[in-house]
Amino acid sequence: MSGMETIKGKFQGLIDVLMPWEDVEVEEHKDAAAETSQQQAVAKPARAAAQEYKVSGGDSIYVERTEAQEPAPSFRARTQHPQLTVHTTKIPELRVQIYVPENFDQVTDIADNLKSGKAVVVNYERVAVEEQRRICDFVNGACYVVNGCAKRISEQIVLYAPEGVDVAEAMPAALKD
């Protein structure tokens, strides 16, 4: 066995250890090897051309290649696996958080819920008018940032809904009572 064949054999053994063959790949490799051996037996002898390669240390290696050589089959023949797509029919839940703020310190919690996609109902009954105005401005701004909408339910209660939540007035006459 020549030096190149020894190296090739060891390299092939290393590949087989690191990347074991699957049953399908082994059968395909055997079929491909049988076909190439039949083609080589039938093929006419082709001209051989020797090429010299320099190796570290100053030595030279001569490699003979024939013109009729076909490219070597890849080490692993990849089989095409169908791509699978998972579709779910689960409808996302709508969560509504209710707040009755007593001071301006609670507005960050309200804004965080809007940012996370939850609808928020704010009851302004327990805050002073000046504080109500500040809270309302802040929450309206947060609602605007998330492309949401604000609907007044009563004089003191407002619904803030994030993007993707459709708010419709089903019975406006019932709210006037």
Protein backbone atom coordinates (compact mmCIF):
# COMPACT_ATOMS: atom_id res chain seq x y z
CA MET A 1 0.00 0.00 0.00
CA SER A 2 1.45 3.38 -0.96
CA GLY A 3 1.73 6.30 1.45
CA MET A 4 -1.26 8.14 -0.05
CA GLU A 5 -3.48 5.07 0.13
CA THR A 6 -2.51 4.58 3.78
CA ILE A 7 -3.37 8.18 4.60
CA LYS A 8 -6.62 7.90 2.66
CA GLY A 9 -7.55 4.70 4.51
CA LYS A 10 -6.84 6.24 7.91
CA PHE A 11 -8.75 9.38 6.98
CA GLN A 12 -11.72 7.28 5.85
CA GLY A 13 -11.59 5.33 9.12
CA LEU A 14 -11.56 8.58 11.09
CA ILE A 15 -14.57 9.86 9.14
CA ASP A 16 -16.44 6.61 9.76
CA VAL A 17 -15.79 6.89 13.50
CA LEU A 18 -16.76 10.56 13.75
CA MET A 19 -19.73 10.40 11.38
CA PRO A 20 -21.20 6.87 11.38
CA TRP A 21 -22.99 5.74 8.27
CA GLU A 22 -26.74 5.32 8.24
CA ASP A 23 -28.18 2.14 6.73
CA VAL A 24 -29.48 3.99 3.68
CA GLU A 25 -26.15 5.71 3.11
CA VAL A 26 -24.21 2.42 3.32
CA GLU A 27 -26.44 0.79 0.72
CA GLU A 28 -26.14 3.82 -1.55
CA HIS A 29 -22.36 3.82 -1.11
CA LYS A 30 -22.16 0.09 -1.98
CA ASP A 31 -24.31 0.67 -5.08
CA ALA A 32 -22.16 3.63 -6.13
CA ALA A 33 -18.94 1.64 -5.56
CA ALA A 34 -20.26 -1.26 -7.66
CA GLU A 35 -21.20 1.10 -10.49
CA THR A 36 -17.81 2.82 -10.52
CA SER A 37 -15.94 -0.51 -10.52
CA GLN A 38 -18.03 -1.66 -13.51
CA GLN A 39 -17.36 1.61 -15.32
CA GLN A 40 -13.62 1.34 -14.69
CA ALA A 41 -13.56 -2.24 -16.01
CA VAL A 42 -15.35 -1.24 -19.21
CA ALA A 43 -13.53 2.07 -19.72
CA LYS A 44 -10.54 2.21 -22.04
CA PRO A 45 -7.20 2.94 -20.48
CA ALA A 46 -6.69 6.70 -20.56
CA ARG A 47 -3.52 8.75 -20.74
CA ALA A 48 -1.91 9.24 -17.39
CA ALA A 49 -0.29 12.53 -16.48
CA ALA A 50 1.99 12.76 -13.47
CA GLN A 51 2.05 15.91 -11.40
CA GLU A 52 4.69 16.81 -8.87
CA TYR A 53 3.65 18.28 -5.51
CA LYS A 54 6.08 19.71 -2.98
CA VAL A 55 5.69 18.49 0.60
CA SER A 56 6.98 20.22 3.70
CA GLY A 57 10.54 19.10 4.33
CA GLY A 58 11.55 19.52 0.67
CA ASP A 59 10.36 16.12 -0.60
CA SER A 60 8.22 15.70 -3.71
CA ILE A 61 5.20 13.51 -4.36
CA TYR A 62 4.18 12.41 -7.83
CA VAL A 63 0.48 11.88 -8.41
CA GLU A 64 -0.87 10.25 -11.54
CA ARG A 65 -4.31 11.19 -12.72
CA THR A 66 -6.11 9.81 -15.71
CA GLU A 67 -8.33 11.96 -17.89
CA ALA A 68 -11.23 9.51 -17.66
CA GLN A 69 -11.46 9.76 -13.88
CA GLU A 70 -14.81 10.78 -12.57
CA PRO A 71 -15.15 12.92 -9.46
CA ALA A 72 -15.09 10.80 -6.33
CA PRO A 73 -18.47 10.26 -4.72
CA SER A 74 -19.04 12.27 -1.59
CA PHE A 75 -18.49 10.53 1.72
CA ARG A 76 -22.13 10.91 2.59
CA ALA A 77 -24.94 10.92 0.12
CA ARG A 78 -27.57 13.20 1.57
CA THR A 79 -31.16 12.18 1.20
CA GLN A 80 -33.78 14.87 0.86
CA HIS A 81 -36.08 14.97 3.85
CA PRO A 82 -39.40 16.78 3.47
CA GLN A 83 -39.63 20.05 5.33
CA LEU A 84 -42.37 20.01 7.90
CA THR A 85 -44.34 23.03 9.01
CA VAL A 86 -46.34 23.00 12.22
CA HIS A 87 -49.62 24.86 12.23
CA THR A 88 -51.44 25.38 15.47
CA THR A 89 -55.08 26.18 15.91
CA LYS A 90 -54.64 27.58 19.38
CA ILE A 91 -56.20 31.01 19.69
CA PRO A 92 -54.15 33.39 21.80
CA GLU A 93 -55.78 34.33 25.06
CA LEU A 94 -56.78 37.92 25.73
CA ARG A 95 -55.86 38.97 29.21
CA VAL A 96 -57.37 42.02 30.86
CA GLN A 97 -55.83 43.67 33.91
CA ILE A 98 -57.96 45.98 36.08
CA TYR A 99 -56.33 48.86 37.96
CA VAL A 100 -57.70 51.31 40.52
CA PRO A 101 -54.71 53.62 40.95
CA GLU A 102 -54.43 55.80 44.01
CA ASN A 103 -51.35 57.74 42.87
CA PHE A 104 -49.06 58.29 39.89
CA ASP A 105 -46.59 55.60 41.02
CA GLN A 106 -48.74 52.79 39.57
CA VAL A 107 -48.61 54.02 35.94
CA THR A 108 -45.47 52.02 35.10
CA ASP A 109 -47.28 48.77 35.93
CA ILE A 110 -50.16 49.80 33.67
CA ALA A 111 -47.76 50.66 30.81
CA ASP A 112 -45.86 47.39 31.25
CA ASN A 113 -49.08 45.40 30.89
CA LEU A 114 -49.93 47.29 27.70
CA LYS A 115 -46.45 46.59 26.33
CA SER A 116 -46.85 42.88 27.07
CA GLY A 117 -50.09 42.74 25.05
CA LYS A 118 -52.64 42.81 27.86
CA ALA A 119 -55.70 45.03 27.78
CA VAL A 120 -56.02 47.30 30.80
CA VAL A 121 -59.11 48.76 32.48
CA VAL A 122 -58.32 51.78 34.66
CA ASN A 123 -60.81 53.05 37.24
CA TYR A 124 -59.99 56.67 38.17
CA GLU A 125 -62.49 56.95 41.06
CA ARG A 126 -59.85 57.04 43.84
CA VAL A 127 -57.53 59.74 42.45
CA ALA A 128 -57.77 63.52 42.46
CA VAL A 129 -58.59 65.31 39.21
CA GLU A 130 -55.03 66.66 38.74
CA GLU A 131 -53.52 63.23 39.38
CA GLN A 132 -56.12 61.62 37.09
CA ARG A 133 -55.04 63.94 34.28
CA ARG A 134 -51.35 62.97 34.70
CA ILE A 135 -52.10 59.25 34.86
CA CYS A 136 -54.44 59.46 31.88
CA ASP A 137 -51.84 61.34 29.78
CA PHE A 138 -49.12 58.84 30.63
CA VAL A 139 -51.25 55.76 29.88
CA ASN A 140 -52.60 57.34 26.67
CA GLY A 141 -48.99 57.87 25.55
CA ALA A 142 -48.09 54.27 26.34
CA CYS A 143 -51.17 53.10 24.46
CA TYR A 144 -50.15 55.22 21.46
CA VAL A 145 -46.64 53.72 21.45
CA VAL A 146 -48.01 50.16 21.22
CA ASN A 147 -50.49 51.20 18.47
CA GLY A 148 -53.40 50.56 20.82
CA CYS A 149 -56.66 52.35 21.44
CA ALA A 150 -58.45 53.88 24.42
CA LYS A 151 -62.21 53.64 24.95
CA ARG A 152 -64.04 55.48 27.69
CA ILE A 153 -66.46 53.13 29.43
CA SER A 154 -67.83 55.67 31.91
CA GLU A 155 -66.80 59.04 33.33
CA GLN A 156 -64.23 57.40 35.61
CA ILE A 157 -63.37 54.14 33.79
CA VAL A 158 -61.26 53.79 30.62
CA LEU A 159 -60.31 50.66 28.65
CA TYR A 160 -56.83 50.67 27.07
CA ALA A 161 -56.30 47.93 24.48
CA PRO A 162 -53.02 47.08 22.70
CA GLU A 163 -52.70 46.50 18.98
CA GLY A 164 -54.64 43.48 17.74
CA VAL A 165 -57.52 43.87 20.18
CA ASP A 166 -60.73 45.02 18.51
CA VAL A 167 -63.03 46.97 20.83
CA ALA A 168 -66.58 47.47 19.59
CA GLU A 169 -69.53 49.10 21.30
CA ALA A 170 -72.26 46.46 21.26
CA MET A 171 -74.96 48.37 23.13
CA PRO A 172 -74.25 52.08 23.48
CA ALA A 173 -77.76 52.66 24.89
CA ALA A 174 -77.02 50.40 27.87
CA LEU A 175 -74.06 52.56 28.85
CA LYS A 176 -76.21 55.71 29.07
CA ASP A 177 -78.40 54.33 31.87
